[in-house]
N, C-alpha and C. Protein backbone atom coordinates (compact mmCIF):
# COMPACT_ATOMS: atom_id res chain seq x y z
N UNK A 1 16.51 -34.34 -13.61
CA UNK A 1 16.77 -34.38 -12.18
C UNK A 1 16.08 -33.18 -11.51
N UNK A 2 15.51 -33.40 -10.39
CA UNK A 2 14.81 -32.36 -9.66
C UNK A 2 15.79 -31.37 -9.04
N UNK A 3 15.43 -30.11 -9.06
CA UNK A 3 16.27 -29.06 -8.48
C UNK A 3 16.33 -29.26 -6.97
N UNK A 4 17.52 -29.48 -6.38
CA UNK A 4 17.63 -29.73 -4.94
C UNK A 4 17.26 -28.52 -4.09
N UNK A 5 17.18 -27.32 -4.70
CA UNK A 5 16.81 -26.14 -3.93
C UNK A 5 15.30 -25.97 -3.79
N UNK A 6 14.52 -26.73 -4.56
CA UNK A 6 13.07 -26.67 -4.42
C UNK A 6 12.66 -27.59 -3.27
N UNK A 7 11.83 -27.09 -2.42
CA UNK A 7 11.47 -27.87 -1.23
C UNK A 7 10.39 -28.91 -1.50
N UNK A 8 9.54 -28.68 -2.49
CA UNK A 8 8.42 -29.58 -2.71
C UNK A 8 7.33 -29.40 -1.68
N UNK A 9 7.49 -28.43 -0.81
CA UNK A 9 6.57 -28.17 0.28
C UNK A 9 5.72 -26.96 -0.08
N UNK A 10 4.43 -27.10 -0.14
CA UNK A 10 3.57 -25.99 -0.53
C UNK A 10 2.54 -25.68 0.55
N UNK A 11 2.98 -25.08 1.66
CA UNK A 11 2.05 -24.75 2.73
C UNK A 11 1.09 -23.64 2.33
N UNK A 12 -0.01 -23.57 2.99
CA UNK A 12 -1.02 -22.54 2.76
C UNK A 12 -1.09 -21.64 3.99
N UNK A 13 -1.40 -20.37 3.74
CA UNK A 13 -1.59 -19.44 4.85
C UNK A 13 -2.82 -19.86 5.65
N UNK A 14 -2.74 -19.74 6.97
CA UNK A 14 -3.85 -20.08 7.85
C UNK A 14 -4.36 -18.80 8.50
N UNK A 15 -5.58 -18.37 8.18
CA UNK A 15 -6.11 -17.13 8.76
C UNK A 15 -6.07 -17.17 10.28
N UNK A 16 -5.61 -16.08 10.89
CA UNK A 16 -5.53 -15.96 12.33
C UNK A 16 -4.26 -16.55 12.93
N UNK A 17 -3.49 -17.28 12.11
CA UNK A 17 -2.26 -17.90 12.59
C UNK A 17 -1.06 -17.34 11.84
N UNK A 18 -1.13 -17.37 10.51
CA UNK A 18 -0.03 -16.90 9.68
C UNK A 18 -0.01 -15.38 9.66
N UNK A 19 1.15 -14.76 9.93
CA UNK A 19 1.23 -13.30 9.87
C UNK A 19 0.88 -12.80 8.47
N UNK A 20 0.30 -11.62 8.41
CA UNK A 20 -0.08 -11.05 7.12
C UNK A 20 1.13 -10.36 6.53
N UNK A 21 1.86 -11.08 5.71
CA UNK A 21 3.02 -10.56 5.00
C UNK A 21 2.98 -11.19 3.62
N UNK A 22 2.41 -10.46 2.66
CA UNK A 22 2.24 -11.03 1.33
C UNK A 22 3.05 -10.25 0.30
N UNK A 23 3.37 -10.96 -0.77
CA UNK A 23 4.10 -10.35 -1.87
C UNK A 23 3.57 -10.95 -3.17
N UNK A 24 3.14 -10.09 -4.11
CA UNK A 24 2.69 -10.57 -5.40
C UNK A 24 3.89 -10.83 -6.28
N UNK A 25 3.85 -11.96 -7.01
CA UNK A 25 4.96 -12.36 -7.86
C UNK A 25 4.43 -12.75 -9.24
N UNK A 26 5.34 -12.82 -10.22
CA UNK A 26 4.96 -13.17 -11.59
C UNK A 26 5.51 -14.52 -12.02
N UNK A 27 6.21 -15.22 -11.14
CA UNK A 27 6.80 -16.51 -11.47
C UNK A 27 6.31 -17.56 -10.48
N UNK A 28 6.17 -18.80 -10.95
CA UNK A 28 5.73 -19.89 -10.06
C UNK A 28 6.82 -20.36 -9.11
N UNK A 29 8.08 -20.04 -9.38
CA UNK A 29 9.18 -20.39 -8.49
C UNK A 29 9.71 -19.10 -7.86
N UNK A 30 9.68 -19.04 -6.54
CA UNK A 30 10.15 -17.86 -5.82
C UNK A 30 11.22 -18.27 -4.81
N UNK A 31 12.09 -17.34 -4.48
CA UNK A 31 13.13 -17.58 -3.49
C UNK A 31 12.89 -16.66 -2.30
N UNK A 32 13.00 -17.20 -1.10
CA UNK A 32 12.80 -16.41 0.11
C UNK A 32 13.99 -16.63 1.04
N UNK A 33 14.49 -15.52 1.60
CA UNK A 33 15.56 -15.61 2.60
C UNK A 33 15.18 -14.82 3.85
N UNK A 34 13.91 -14.48 3.97
CA UNK A 34 13.42 -13.77 5.14
C UNK A 34 13.88 -12.33 5.23
N UNK A 35 14.42 -11.80 4.16
CA UNK A 35 14.89 -10.43 4.19
C UNK A 35 16.40 -10.34 4.28
N UNK A 36 17.06 -11.46 4.45
CA UNK A 36 18.52 -11.50 4.47
C UNK A 36 19.11 -10.92 5.74
N UNK A 37 20.41 -10.86 5.75
CA UNK A 37 21.10 -10.32 6.92
C UNK A 37 20.95 -11.19 8.14
N UNK A 38 21.23 -10.60 9.30
CA UNK A 38 21.18 -11.33 10.56
C UNK A 38 19.77 -11.77 10.94
N UNK A 39 18.76 -11.09 10.43
CA UNK A 39 17.38 -11.43 10.78
C UNK A 39 16.73 -12.37 9.78
N UNK A 40 17.47 -12.77 8.75
CA UNK A 40 16.91 -13.63 7.73
C UNK A 40 16.97 -15.11 8.11
N UNK A 41 16.78 -15.96 7.10
CA UNK A 41 16.86 -17.41 7.28
C UNK A 41 17.54 -17.99 6.04
N UNK A 42 17.87 -19.28 6.04
CA UNK A 42 18.49 -19.86 4.85
C UNK A 42 17.59 -19.65 3.63
N UNK A 43 18.20 -19.36 2.50
CA UNK A 43 17.43 -19.16 1.28
C UNK A 43 16.78 -20.45 0.83
N UNK A 44 15.50 -20.38 0.50
CA UNK A 44 14.76 -21.55 0.00
C UNK A 44 14.02 -21.14 -1.27
N UNK A 45 13.90 -22.09 -2.18
CA UNK A 45 13.09 -21.89 -3.38
C UNK A 45 11.78 -22.61 -3.17
N UNK A 46 10.69 -21.94 -3.48
CA UNK A 46 9.35 -22.49 -3.28
C UNK A 46 8.61 -22.46 -4.60
N UNK A 47 7.83 -23.49 -4.88
CA UNK A 47 7.03 -23.54 -6.10
C UNK A 47 5.57 -23.27 -5.78
N UNK A 48 4.97 -22.36 -6.52
CA UNK A 48 3.55 -22.06 -6.37
C UNK A 48 2.78 -23.05 -7.24
N UNK A 49 2.06 -23.96 -6.62
CA UNK A 49 1.31 -24.98 -7.35
C UNK A 49 -0.03 -24.45 -7.85
N UNK A 50 -0.70 -23.65 -7.05
CA UNK A 50 -2.02 -23.13 -7.44
C UNK A 50 -1.94 -21.61 -7.56
N UNK A 51 -2.22 -20.89 -6.49
CA UNK A 51 -2.20 -19.43 -6.52
C UNK A 51 -1.25 -18.83 -5.50
N UNK A 52 -0.84 -19.60 -4.48
CA UNK A 52 0.02 -19.03 -3.44
C UNK A 52 0.86 -20.10 -2.77
N UNK A 53 1.92 -19.65 -2.11
CA UNK A 53 2.75 -20.53 -1.30
C UNK A 53 3.25 -19.70 -0.11
N UNK A 54 3.39 -20.33 1.04
CA UNK A 54 3.83 -19.65 2.26
C UNK A 54 5.18 -20.22 2.68
N UNK A 55 6.14 -19.34 2.96
CA UNK A 55 7.47 -19.77 3.38
C UNK A 55 7.38 -20.49 4.73
N UNK A 56 7.97 -21.69 4.83
CA UNK A 56 7.90 -22.42 6.09
C UNK A 56 8.76 -21.81 7.19
N UNK A 57 9.69 -20.92 6.86
CA UNK A 57 10.53 -20.28 7.86
C UNK A 57 9.90 -19.02 8.43
N UNK A 58 9.51 -18.08 7.54
CA UNK A 58 9.08 -16.76 8.02
C UNK A 58 7.61 -16.48 7.80
N UNK A 59 6.88 -17.38 7.17
CA UNK A 59 5.44 -17.26 6.92
C UNK A 59 5.08 -16.17 5.93
N UNK A 60 6.04 -15.66 5.17
CA UNK A 60 5.71 -14.71 4.09
C UNK A 60 4.96 -15.50 3.02
N UNK A 61 3.84 -14.94 2.55
CA UNK A 61 3.02 -15.60 1.54
C UNK A 61 3.25 -14.94 0.20
N UNK A 62 3.58 -15.74 -0.79
CA UNK A 62 3.78 -15.28 -2.16
C UNK A 62 2.53 -15.62 -2.95
N UNK A 63 1.94 -14.60 -3.59
CA UNK A 63 0.70 -14.77 -4.34
C UNK A 63 0.99 -14.54 -5.81
N UNK A 64 0.60 -15.49 -6.66
CA UNK A 64 0.82 -15.39 -8.09
C UNK A 64 -0.17 -14.39 -8.68
N UNK A 65 0.35 -13.40 -9.42
CA UNK A 65 -0.51 -12.40 -10.04
C UNK A 65 -1.39 -13.07 -11.09
N UNK A 66 -2.58 -12.53 -11.30
CA UNK A 66 -3.49 -13.07 -12.32
C UNK A 66 -2.82 -13.04 -13.68
N UNK A 67 -2.90 -14.13 -14.41
CA UNK A 67 -2.34 -14.23 -15.74
C UNK A 67 -0.84 -14.48 -15.78
N UNK A 68 -0.21 -14.62 -14.63
CA UNK A 68 1.25 -14.82 -14.58
C UNK A 68 1.59 -16.27 -14.33
N UNK A 69 2.83 -16.62 -14.59
CA UNK A 69 3.35 -17.94 -14.23
C UNK A 69 2.99 -19.07 -15.13
N UNK A 70 2.43 -18.80 -16.29
CA UNK A 70 2.03 -19.89 -17.18
C UNK A 70 3.14 -20.53 -17.96
N UNK A 71 4.28 -19.84 -18.14
CA UNK A 71 5.30 -20.36 -19.02
C UNK A 71 6.54 -20.90 -18.37
N UNK A 72 6.56 -21.08 -17.06
CA UNK A 72 7.81 -21.51 -16.43
C UNK A 72 7.73 -22.91 -15.84
N UNK A 73 6.94 -23.78 -16.46
CA UNK A 73 6.92 -25.18 -16.03
C UNK A 73 7.27 -26.06 -17.23
N UNK A 74 7.65 -27.28 -16.96
CA UNK A 74 8.07 -28.18 -18.05
C UNK A 74 6.91 -29.02 -18.50
């Protein structure tokens, strides 16, 4: 059964439109809550299909580090 917390949505950053807020990660599945607290957004899990994924709420872009993320898929 598919994890209901994964959105299945893999947006890409758009130069000149998406704010420059990037974070390097070592896993293909990342969770974003916009920083939490009153200024955050609902927590979402995002899957990095290629090299990056952008949060649909806050536009933070998660970039997979070179050589990372190879062992966490089925």
